[in-house]
Amino acid sequence: MTIEVLVPTVERPVELATTLAGLAAQDHPFDVLISDQSDGPASYDTPPAQAMLQVLRMRGSRVRTVRHLPRRGVIEHRAALLAASDAEHVLFLDDDVWLMPGTVARLHAAIVELGCGLVGCAMQGLSHLDDERPHELTTFERWEGRPQPERLEPGSPQWERWRLHNAANPAHLARRHVREGEAWVAYKVAWIAGCVLYDRAALESVGGFDFWREVPEDAVGEDVVAEQRVMERFGGAGILPSGAVHLESGTTIPHRPVTADALLRT
């Protein structure tokens, strides 16, 4: 069962090198495809990033780096990455997420055992570790057995699960809910940002990210649309402990006028 890690990046040389360092420390086999849309030099064209790419090659990964220009929006960028991969499972990983050792192995074990369309690790903002928000954790619910298909609607109690992933909430959830001896715990989500492993066939069967043609180039919220379409047909889950650490750099998409989810629901 093959995995390819798909990393879209733009103007993030420091963050990308850190993300690659996290991948280089994993002990599970996977390939890597990095697609860059920087205006100047590619984010991967730095000595630290190149060193990590060499480490990945030495551990047996097929590593590909491409430039994908002109920019046609973040959703089209993801569609292009998916189209370039033939792996059985694809891990969409943001270019500002460091993975703790063992995270890819846990994600793969979970998606195989659960038999669902996707599993993900919510990003943790560890600068917020002292900021506990119990009122945002009340929607937490384990999946017992295989995740069942769900259709989520804005305004529903299930939609409010998005609050589970604010700040350092994933770290607090892991402390509360991962029992001794458990390698990982699957739980119900609204969507997950930054680190999501898909069954590629399931993702493609619901159209992948091809909806980029139906929305303006500056639309965001692509994860919400793609994940909820997969979860509606195949089920999906978050897993704890997360293992995904948000680097908390400033966003490269400060202008967010519309979300694909809102446009496609109207």
C-alpha atoms as a PDB file:
ATOM      1  CA  MET A   1       0.000   0.000   0.000  1.00  0.00           C
ATOM      2  CA  THR A   2       1.743   3.137  -1.208  1.00  0.00           C
ATOM      3  CA  ILE A   3       1.591   6.622   0.279  1.00  0.00           C
ATOM      4  CA  GLU A   4       2.629   9.843  -1.381  1.00  0.00           C
ATOM      5  CA  VAL A   5       2.937  13.042   0.637  1.00  0.00           C
ATOM      6  CA  LEU A   6       1.686  16.006  -1.384  1.00  0.00           C
ATOM      7  CA  VAL A   7       2.971  19.410  -0.266  1.00  0.00           C
ATOM      8  CA  PRO A   8       1.764  22.635  -1.911  1.00  0.00           C
ATOM      9  CA  THR A   9       4.047  25.535  -1.066  1.00  0.00           C
ATOM     10  CA  VAL A  10       4.464  29.224  -1.802  1.00  0.00           C
ATOM     11  CA  GLU A  11       6.998  31.684  -0.366  1.00  0.00           C
ATOM     12  CA  ARG A  12       7.806  29.450   2.613  1.00  0.00           C
ATOM     13  CA  PRO A  13      11.528  28.511   2.530  1.00  0.00           C
ATOM     14  CA  VAL A  14      12.014  28.342   6.309  1.00  0.00           C
ATOM     15  CA  GLU A  15       8.735  26.620   7.039  1.00  0.00           C
ATOM     16  CA  LEU A  16       9.099  24.105   4.216  1.00  0.00           C
ATOM     17  CA  ALA A  17      12.551  23.043   5.422  1.00  0.00           C
ATOM     18  CA  THR A  18      11.041  22.440   8.872  1.00  0.00           C
ATOM     19  CA  THR A  19       8.155  20.473   7.369  1.00  0.00           C
ATOM     20  CA  LEU A  20      10.618  18.338   5.414  1.00  0.00           C
ATOM     21  CA  ALA A  21      12.654  17.726   8.564  1.00  0.00           C
ATOM     22  CA  GLY A  22       9.538  16.255  10.140  1.00  0.00           C
ATOM     23  CA  LEU A  23       9.008  13.986   7.146  1.00  0.00           C
ATOM     24  CA  ALA A  24      12.653  12.915   7.137  1.00  0.00           C
ATOM     25  CA  ALA A  25      12.276  11.689  10.738  1.00  0.00           C
ATOM     26  CA  GLN A  26       9.325   9.405   9.961  1.00  0.00           C
ATOM     27  CA  ASP A  27       9.845   5.642   9.950  1.00  0.00           C
ATOM     28  CA  HIS A  28       7.070   4.670   7.517  1.00  0.00           C
ATOM     29  CA  PRO A  29       7.679   4.384   3.751  1.00  0.00           C
ATOM     30  CA  PHE A  30       6.237   7.065   1.487  1.00  0.00           C
ATOM     31  CA  ASP A  31       7.073   9.180  -1.538  1.00  0.00           C
ATOM     32  CA  VAL A  32       7.046  12.982  -1.658  1.00  0.00           C
ATOM     33  CA  LEU A  33       5.820  15.484  -4.229  1.00  0.00           C
ATOM     34  CA  ILE A  34       6.365  19.210  -3.570  1.00  0.00           C
ATOM     35  CA  SER A  35       4.677  21.753  -5.817  1.00  0.00           C
ATOM     36  CA  ASP A  36       5.891  25.350  -5.561  1.00  0.00           C
ATOM     37  CA  GLN A  37       4.136  28.556  -6.612  1.00  0.00           C
ATOM     38  CA  SER A  38       6.600  31.142  -5.284  1.00  0.00           C
ATOM     39  CA  ASP A  39       7.182  34.302  -7.288  1.00  0.00           C
ATOM     40  CA  GLY A  40      10.931  34.116  -6.709  1.00  0.00           C
ATOM     41  CA  PRO A  41      13.115  31.085  -5.954  1.00  0.00           C
ATOM     42  CA  ALA A  42      11.256  27.926  -5.040  1.00  0.00           C
ATOM     43  CA  SER A  43      10.767  27.314  -1.332  1.00  0.00           C
ATOM     44  CA  TYR A  44      12.614  24.007  -1.715  1.00  0.00           C
ATOM     45  CA  ASP A  45      15.628  25.706  -3.339  1.00  0.00           C
ATOM     46  CA  THR A  46      17.535  26.323  -0.087  1.00  0.00           C
ATOM     47  CA  PRO A  47      20.390  24.352   1.466  1.00  0.00           C
ATOM     48  CA  PRO A  48      18.302  23.185   4.479  1.00  0.00           C
ATOM     49  CA  ALA A  49      15.422  22.001   2.300  1.00  0.00           C
ATOM     50  CA  GLN A  50      17.762  20.294  -0.142  1.00  0.00           C
ATOM     51  CA  ALA A  51      19.525  18.529   2.728  1.00  0.00           C
ATOM     52  CA  MET A  52      16.211  17.136   3.969  1.00  0.00           C
ATOM     53  CA  LEU A  53      15.251  16.056   0.464  1.00  0.00           C
ATOM     54  CA  GLN A  54      18.515  14.137   0.285  1.00  0.00           C
ATOM     55  CA  VAL A  55      17.739  12.454   3.604  1.00  0.00           C
ATOM     56  CA  LEU A  56      14.351  11.422   2.220  1.00  0.00           C
ATOM     57  CA  ARG A  57      15.977   9.992  -0.895  1.00  0.00           C
ATOM     58  CA  MET A  58      18.511   8.097   1.228  1.00  0.00           C
ATOM     59  CA  ARG A  59      15.674   6.483   3.194  1.00  0.00           C
ATOM     60  CA  GLY A  60      14.189   5.223  -0.064  1.00  0.00           C
ATOM     61  CA  SER A  61      11.553   7.826  -0.884  1.00  0.00           C
ATOM     62  CA  ARG A  62      10.887   8.923  -4.426  1.00  0.00           C
ATOM     63  CA  VAL A  63      11.136  12.712  -4.221  1.00  0.00           C
ATOM     64  CA  ARG A  64       9.758  15.050  -6.867  1.00  0.00           C
ATOM     65  CA  THR A  65       9.831  18.850  -6.912  1.00  0.00           C
ATOM     66  CA  VAL A  66       7.875  20.866  -9.468  1.00  0.00           C
ATOM     67  CA  ARG A  67       6.974  24.467 -10.196  1.00  0.00           C
ATOM     68  CA  HIS A  68       3.270  25.028 -10.816  1.00  0.00           C
ATOM     69  CA  LEU A  69       2.691  28.442 -12.383  1.00  0.00           C
ATOM     70  CA  PRO A  70       0.800  30.589 -13.107  1.00  0.00           C
ATOM     71  CA  ARG A  71      -1.246  30.548  -9.921  1.00  0.00           C
ATOM     72  CA  ARG A  72      -4.898  29.703 -10.388  1.00  0.00           C
ATOM     73  CA  GLY A  73      -5.872  29.468  -6.741  1.00  0.00           C
ATOM     74  CA  VAL A  74      -5.190  27.130  -3.847  1.00  0.00           C
ATOM     75  CA  ILE A  75      -7.917  24.697  -4.920  1.00  0.00           C
ATOM     76  CA  GLU A  76      -6.499  24.242  -8.423  1.00  0.00           C
ATOM     77  CA  HIS A  77      -3.075  23.718  -6.867  1.00  0.00           C
ATOM     78  CA  ARG A  78      -4.400  20.778  -4.858  1.00  0.00           C
ATOM     79  CA  ALA A  79      -6.181  19.395  -7.903  1.00  0.00           C
ATOM     80  CA  ALA A  80      -2.895  19.438  -9.822  1.00  0.00           C
ATOM     81  CA  LEU A  81      -1.064  17.653  -7.011  1.00  0.00           C
ATOM     82  CA  LEU A  82      -3.706  14.929  -6.865  1.00  0.00           C
ATOM     83  CA  ALA A  83      -3.626  14.482 -10.638  1.00  0.00           C
ATOM     84  CA  ALA A  84       0.159  14.016 -10.510  1.00  0.00           C
ATOM     85  CA  SER A  85      -0.002  11.141  -8.009  1.00  0.00           C
ATOM     86  CA  ASP A  86      -0.876   7.500  -8.553  1.00  0.00           C
ATOM     87  CA  ALA A  87      -0.385   6.406  -4.939  1.00  0.00           C
ATOM     88  CA  GLU A  88      -3.043   4.357  -3.173  1.00  0.00           C
ATOM     89  CA  HIS A  89      -3.084   6.860  -0.305  1.00  0.00           C
ATOM     90  CA  VAL A  90      -2.240  10.559  -0.564  1.00  0.00           C
ATOM     91  CA  LEU A  91      -1.293  12.677   2.434  1.00  0.00           C
ATOM     92  CA  PHE A  92      -1.997  16.367   1.859  1.00  0.00           C
ATOM     93  CA  LEU A  93       0.414  18.164   4.170  1.00  0.00           C
ATOM     94  CA  ASP A  94       0.602  21.946   4.480  1.00  0.00           C
ATOM     95  CA  ASP A  95       4.018  23.573   4.163  1.00  0.00           C
ATOM     96  CA  ASP A  96       3.915  24.897   7.743  1.00  0.00           C
ATOM     97  CA  VAL A  97       3.292  21.654   9.640  1.00  0.00           C
ATOM     98  CA  TRP A  98       5.960  19.633  11.446  1.00  0.00           C
ATOM     99  CA  LEU A  99       5.097  15.993  12.105  1.00  0.00           C
ATOM    100  CA  MET A 100       6.206  14.216  15.245  1.00  0.00           C
ATOM    101  CA  PRO A 101       8.014  10.912  14.598  1.00  0.00           C
ATOM    102  CA  GLY A 102       5.568   8.055  14.027  1.00  0.00           C
ATOM    103  CA  THR A 103       2.714  10.239  12.782  1.00  0.00           C
ATOM    104  CA  VAL A 104       2.612   8.883   9.216  1.00  0.00           C
ATOM    105  CA  ALA A 105       2.695   5.314  10.516  1.00  0.00           C
ATOM    106  CA  ARG A 106      -0.276   6.024  12.832  1.00  0.00           C
ATOM    107  CA  LEU A 107      -2.244   7.654  10.030  1.00  0.00           C
ATOM    108  CA  HIS A 108      -1.651   4.699   7.738  1.00  0.00           C
ATOM    109  CA  ALA A 109      -2.498   2.137  10.421  1.00  0.00           C
ATOM    110  CA  ALA A 110      -5.704   4.017  11.187  1.00  0.00           C
ATOM    111  CA  ILE A 111      -6.981   4.315   7.622  1.00  0.00           C
ATOM    112  CA  VAL A 112      -6.281   0.650   6.950  1.00  0.00           C
ATOM    113  CA  GLU A 113      -7.923  -0.579  10.154  1.00  0.00           C
ATOM    114  CA  LEU A 114     -10.900   1.782   9.931  1.00  0.00           C
ATOM    115  CA  GLY A 115     -11.502   1.199   6.228  1.00  0.00           C
ATOM    116  CA  CYS A 116     -12.763   4.753   5.684  1.00  0.00           C
ATOM    117  CA  GLY A 117     -12.134   7.462   3.123  1.00  0.00           C
ATOM    118  CA  LEU A 118      -9.823   9.688   5.154  1.00  0.00           C
ATOM    119  CA  VAL A 119      -8.082  10.149   8.466  1.00  0.00           C
ATOM    120  CA  GLY A 120      -6.305  13.245   9.667  1.00  0.00           C
ATOM    121  CA  CYS A 121      -4.247  14.851  12.371  1.00  0.00           C
ATOM    122  CA  ALA A 122      -5.481  18.294  13.357  1.00  0.00           C
ATOM    123  CA  MET A 123      -2.793  20.959  13.636  1.00  0.00           C
ATOM    124  CA  GLN A 124      -1.828  21.915  17.191  1.00  0.00           C
ATOM    125  CA  GLY A 125      -0.793  25.465  18.035  1.00  0.00           C
ATOM    126  CA  LEU A 126       1.518  24.649  20.904  1.00  0.00           C
ATOM    127  CA  SER A 127       1.992  28.277  21.912  1.00  0.00           C
ATOM    128  CA  HIS A 128      -1.540  27.877  23.348  1.00  0.00           C
ATOM    129  CA  LEU A 129      -0.775  24.925  25.615  1.00  0.00           C
ATOM    130  CA  ASP A 130      -1.675  26.963  28.687  1.00  0.00           C
ATOM    131  CA  ASP A 131      -4.947  28.067  27.095  1.00  0.00           C
ATOM    132  CA  GLU A 132      -7.392  25.308  27.968  1.00  0.00           C
ATOM    133  CA  ARG A 133     -10.855  25.661  26.447  1.00  0.00           C
ATOM    134  CA  PRO A 134     -13.130  22.973  27.906  1.00  0.00           C
ATOM    135  CA  HIS A 135     -16.206  24.656  26.402  1.00  0.00           C
ATOM    136  CA  GLU A 136     -14.790  23.916  22.923  1.00  0.00           C
ATOM    137  CA  LEU A 137     -14.225  20.229  23.646  1.00  0.00           C
ATOM    138  CA  THR A 138     -17.801  19.235  24.459  1.00  0.00           C
ATOM    139  CA  THR A 139     -18.542  17.856  20.976  1.00  0.00           C
ATOM    140  CA  PHE A 140     -15.775  15.253  21.204  1.00  0.00           C
ATOM    141  CA  GLU A 141     -17.023  11.755  20.399  1.00  0.00           C
ATOM    142  CA  ARG A 142     -15.064   8.620  19.625  1.00  0.00           C
ATOM    143  CA  TRP A 143     -15.791   6.498  16.619  1.00  0.00           C
ATOM    144  CA  GLU A 144     -16.554   3.020  17.898  1.00  0.00           C
ATOM    145  CA  GLY A 145     -15.658   0.708  15.044  1.00  0.00           C
ATOM    146  CA  ARG A 146     -15.626   1.813  11.420  1.00  0.00           C
ATOM    147  CA  PRO A 147     -16.568   5.473  10.820  1.00  0.00           C
ATOM    148  CA  GLN A 148     -19.994   5.722   9.239  1.00  0.00           C
ATOM    149  CA  PRO A 149     -20.870   8.066   6.370  1.00  0.00           C
ATOM    150  CA  GLU A 150     -22.142  11.419   7.606  1.00  0.00           C
ATOM    151  CA  ARG A 151     -23.637  14.476   5.956  1.00  0.00           C
ATOM    152  CA  LEU A 152     -22.882  17.626   7.930  1.00  0.00           C
ATOM    153  CA  GLU A 153     -24.886  20.818   7.640  1.00  0.00           C
ATOM    154  CA  PRO A 154     -23.853  24.303   8.813  1.00  0.00           C
ATOM    155  CA  GLY A 155     -25.553  25.169  12.066  1.00  0.00           C
ATOM    156  CA  SER A 156     -25.920  21.549  13.159  1.00  0.00           C
ATOM    157  CA  PRO A 157     -24.374  20.292  16.413  1.00  0.00           C
ATOM    158  CA  GLN A 158     -22.018  18.114  14.338  1.00  0.00           C
ATOM    159  CA  TRP A 159     -20.728  21.162  12.460  1.00  0.00           C
ATOM    160  CA  GLU A 160     -19.532  22.612  15.764  1.00  0.00           C
ATOM    161  CA  ARG A 161     -16.874  19.912  15.942  1.00  0.00           C
ATOM    162  CA  TRP A 162     -14.599  22.346  14.095  1.00  0.00           C
ATOM    163  CA  ARG A 163     -13.925  23.967  17.471  1.00  0.00           C
ATOM    164  CA  LEU A 164     -12.134  20.799  18.592  1.00  0.00           C
ATOM    165  CA  HIS A 165      -9.157  21.905  16.517  1.00  0.00           C
ATOM    166  CA  ASN A 166      -8.709  25.474  17.745  1.00  0.00           C
ATOM    167  CA  ALA A 167      -5.407  26.520  19.340  1.00  0.00           C
ATOM    168  CA  ALA A 168      -3.901  23.589  21.318  1.00  0.00           C
ATOM    169  CA  ASN A 169      -7.217  21.745  21.704  1.00  0.00           C
ATOM    170  CA  PRO A 170      -5.914  18.557  20.008  1.00  0.00           C
ATOM    171  CA  ALA A 171      -3.187  18.271  22.647  1.00  0.00           C
ATOM    172  CA  HIS A 172      -5.718  18.705  25.458  1.00  0.00           C
ATOM    173  CA  LEU A 173      -8.028  16.146  23.839  1.00  0.00           C
ATOM    174  CA  ALA A 174      -5.213  13.609  23.628  1.00  0.00           C
ATOM    175  CA  ARG A 175      -4.421  14.065  27.302  1.00  0.00           C
ATOM    176  CA  ARG A 176      -8.076  13.514  28.197  1.00  0.00           C
ATOM    177  CA  HIS A 177      -9.036  10.710  25.849  1.00  0.00           C
ATOM    178  CA  VAL A 178      -6.067   8.566  24.818  1.00  0.00           C
ATOM    179  CA  ARG A 179      -5.970   5.704  27.283  1.00  0.00           C
ATOM    180  CA  GLU A 180      -2.925   3.772  28.370  1.00  0.00           C
ATOM    181  CA  GLY A 181      -1.976   1.212  25.743  1.00  0.00           C
ATOM    182  CA  GLU A 182      -3.866   2.896  22.891  1.00  0.00           C
ATOM    183  CA  ALA A 183      -1.705   3.688  19.851  1.00  0.00           C
ATOM    184  CA  TRP A 184      -4.358   6.036  18.476  1.00  0.00           C
ATOM    185  CA  VAL A 185      -7.985   7.010  18.987  1.00  0.00           C
ATOM    186  CA  ALA A 186     -10.409   7.778  16.141  1.00  0.00           C
ATOM    187  CA  TYR A 187     -12.964  10.530  16.685  1.00  0.00           C
ATOM    188  CA  LYS A 188     -15.694  12.390  14.808  1.00  0.00           C
ATOM    189  CA  VAL A 189     -14.791  15.594  12.990  1.00  0.00           C
ATOM    190  CA  ALA A 190     -16.351  18.335  10.902  1.00  0.00           C
ATOM    191  CA  TRP A 191     -13.142  18.736   8.886  1.00  0.00           C
ATOM    192  CA  ILE A 192      -9.394  18.777   9.467  1.00  0.00           C
ATOM    193  CA  ALA A 193      -6.848  21.291   8.229  1.00  0.00           C
ATOM    194  CA  GLY A 194      -3.216  20.783   7.354  1.00  0.00           C
ATOM    195  CA  CYS A 195      -2.631  17.027   7.547  1.00  0.00           C
ATOM    196  CA  VAL A 196      -5.115  14.644   5.941  1.00  0.00           C
ATOM    197  CA  LEU A 197      -4.500  11.149   4.538  1.00  0.00           C
ATOM    198  CA  TYR A 198      -7.004  10.134   1.861  1.00  0.00           C
ATOM    199  CA  ASP A 199      -7.833   6.909   0.161  1.00  0.00           C
ATOM    200  CA  ARG A 200      -7.071   8.312  -3.272  1.00  0.00           C
ATOM    201  CA  ALA A 201      -9.772   6.284  -5.029  1.00  0.00           C
ATOM    202  CA  ALA A 202     -12.372   7.585  -2.577  1.00  0.00           C
ATOM    203  CA  LEU A 203     -11.231  11.184  -3.044  1.00  0.00           C
ATOM    204  CA  GLU A 204     -11.262  10.895  -6.820  1.00  0.00           C
ATOM    205  CA  SER A 205     -14.679   9.221  -6.824  1.00  0.00           C
ATOM    206  CA  VAL A 206     -16.228  12.393  -5.334  1.00  0.00           C
ATOM    207  CA  GLY A 207     -14.415  14.647  -7.786  1.00  0.00           C
ATOM    208  CA  GLY A 208     -11.264  15.410  -5.826  1.00  0.00           C
ATOM    209  CA  PHE A 209     -10.553  19.128  -6.003  1.00  0.00           C
ATOM    210  CA  ASP A 210     -11.936  19.550  -9.511  1.00  0.00           C
ATOM    211  CA  PHE A 211     -14.534  21.949  -8.129  1.00  0.00           C
ATOM    212  CA  TRP A 212     -11.860  24.641  -8.531  1.00  0.00           C
ATOM    213  CA  ARG A 213     -13.481  25.318 -11.902  1.00  0.00           C
ATOM    214  CA  GLU A 214     -16.789  26.178 -10.181  1.00  0.00           C
ATOM    215  CA  VAL A 215     -15.482  28.873  -7.821  1.00  0.00           C
ATOM    216  CA  PRO A 216     -13.380  32.047  -8.101  1.00  0.00           C
ATOM    217  CA  GLU A 217      -9.604  31.684  -8.025  1.00  0.00           C
ATOM    218  CA  ASP A 218      -9.401  33.407  -4.646  1.00  0.00           C
ATOM    219  CA  ALA A 219     -11.822  30.982  -2.979  1.00  0.00           C
ATOM    220  CA  VAL A 220     -10.541  29.045   0.048  1.00  0.00           C
ATOM    221  CA  GLY A 221     -12.072  26.344   2.238  1.00  0.00           C
ATOM    222  CA  GLU A 222     -11.100  23.549  -0.132  1.00  0.00           C
ATOM    223  CA  ASP A 223     -10.524  21.096   2.722  1.00  0.00           C
ATOM    224  CA  VAL A 224     -14.084  21.489   3.974  1.00  0.00           C
ATOM    225  CA  VAL A 225     -15.595  20.644   0.594  1.00  0.00           C
ATOM    226  CA  ALA A 226     -13.347  17.722  -0.330  1.00  0.00           C
ATOM    227  CA  GLU A 227     -13.342  16.126   3.123  1.00  0.00           C
ATOM    228  CA  GLN A 228     -17.073  16.398   3.683  1.00  0.00           C
ATOM    229  CA  ARG A 229     -17.777  14.902   0.277  1.00  0.00           C
ATOM    230  CA  VAL A 230     -15.530  11.947   1.124  1.00  0.00           C
ATOM    231  CA  MET A 231     -17.022  11.580   4.611  1.00  0.00           C
ATOM    232  CA  GLU A 232     -20.560  11.631   3.243  1.00  0.00           C
ATOM    233  CA  ARG A 233     -19.863   8.522   1.144  1.00  0.00           C
ATOM    234  CA  PHE A 234     -17.020   6.720   2.875  1.00  0.00           C
ATOM    235  CA  GLY A 235     -16.733   8.050   6.423  1.00  0.00           C
ATOM    236  CA  GLY A 236     -13.722   9.726   7.952  1.00  0.00           C
ATOM    237  CA  ALA A 237     -12.030  10.413  11.276  1.00  0.00           C
ATOM    238  CA  GLY A 238      -9.509  12.457  13.149  1.00  0.00           C
ATOM    239  CA  ILE A 239      -6.961  10.598  15.236  1.00  0.00           C
ATOM    240  CA  LEU A 240      -5.338  11.326  18.571  1.00  0.00           C
ATOM    241  CA  PRO A 241      -2.626  11.937  19.494  1.00  0.00           C
ATOM    242  CA  SER A 242      -2.396  14.338  16.601  1.00  0.00           C
ATOM    243  CA  GLY A 243       1.341  14.553  15.963  1.00  0.00           C
ATOM    244  CA  ALA A 244       0.859  17.560  13.660  1.00  0.00           C
ATOM    245  CA  VAL A 245       2.381  20.781  14.970  1.00  0.00           C
ATOM    246  CA  HIS A 246       1.444  24.074  13.350  1.00  0.00           C
ATOM    247  CA  LEU A 247       4.479  26.310  12.927  1.00  0.00           C
ATOM    248  CA  GLU A 248       2.262  29.359  13.546  1.00  0.00           C
ATOM    249  CA  SER A 249       3.819  31.512  10.855  1.00  0.00           C
ATOM    250  CA  GLY A 250       1.763  34.229   9.231  1.00  0.00           C
ATOM    251  CA  THR A 251      -0.627  33.108   6.530  1.00  0.00           C
ATOM    252  CA  THR A 252       0.323  33.337   2.865  1.00  0.00           C
ATOM    253  CA  ILE A 253      -3.385  33.859   2.016  1.00  0.00           C
ATOM    254  CA  PRO A 254      -4.370  37.050   3.877  1.00  0.00           C
ATOM    255  CA  HIS A 255      -7.211  37.842   1.447  1.00  0.00           C
ATOM    256  CA  ARG A 256     -10.057  35.354   1.954  1.00  0.00           C
ATOM    257  CA  PRO A 257     -13.183  36.877   0.424  1.00  0.00           C
ATOM    258  CA  VAL A 258     -15.160  33.683  -0.178  1.00  0.00           C
ATOM    259  CA  THR A 259     -15.131  30.037   0.860  1.00  0.00           C
ATOM    260  CA  ALA A 260     -15.763  27.235  -1.590  1.00  0.00           C
ATOM    261  CA  ASP A 261     -18.045  25.549   0.917  1.00  0.00           C
ATOM    262  CA  ALA A 262     -20.366  28.545   1.145  1.00  0.00           C
ATOM    263  CA  LEU A 263     -20.444  29.040  -2.630  1.00  0.00           C
ATOM    264  CA  LEU A 264     -21.145  25.409  -3.458  1.00  0.00           C
ATOM    265  CA  ARG A 265     -23.945  25.130  -0.916  1.00  0.00           C
ATOM    266  CA  THR A 266     -25.905  28.053  -2.390  1.00  0.00           C
END
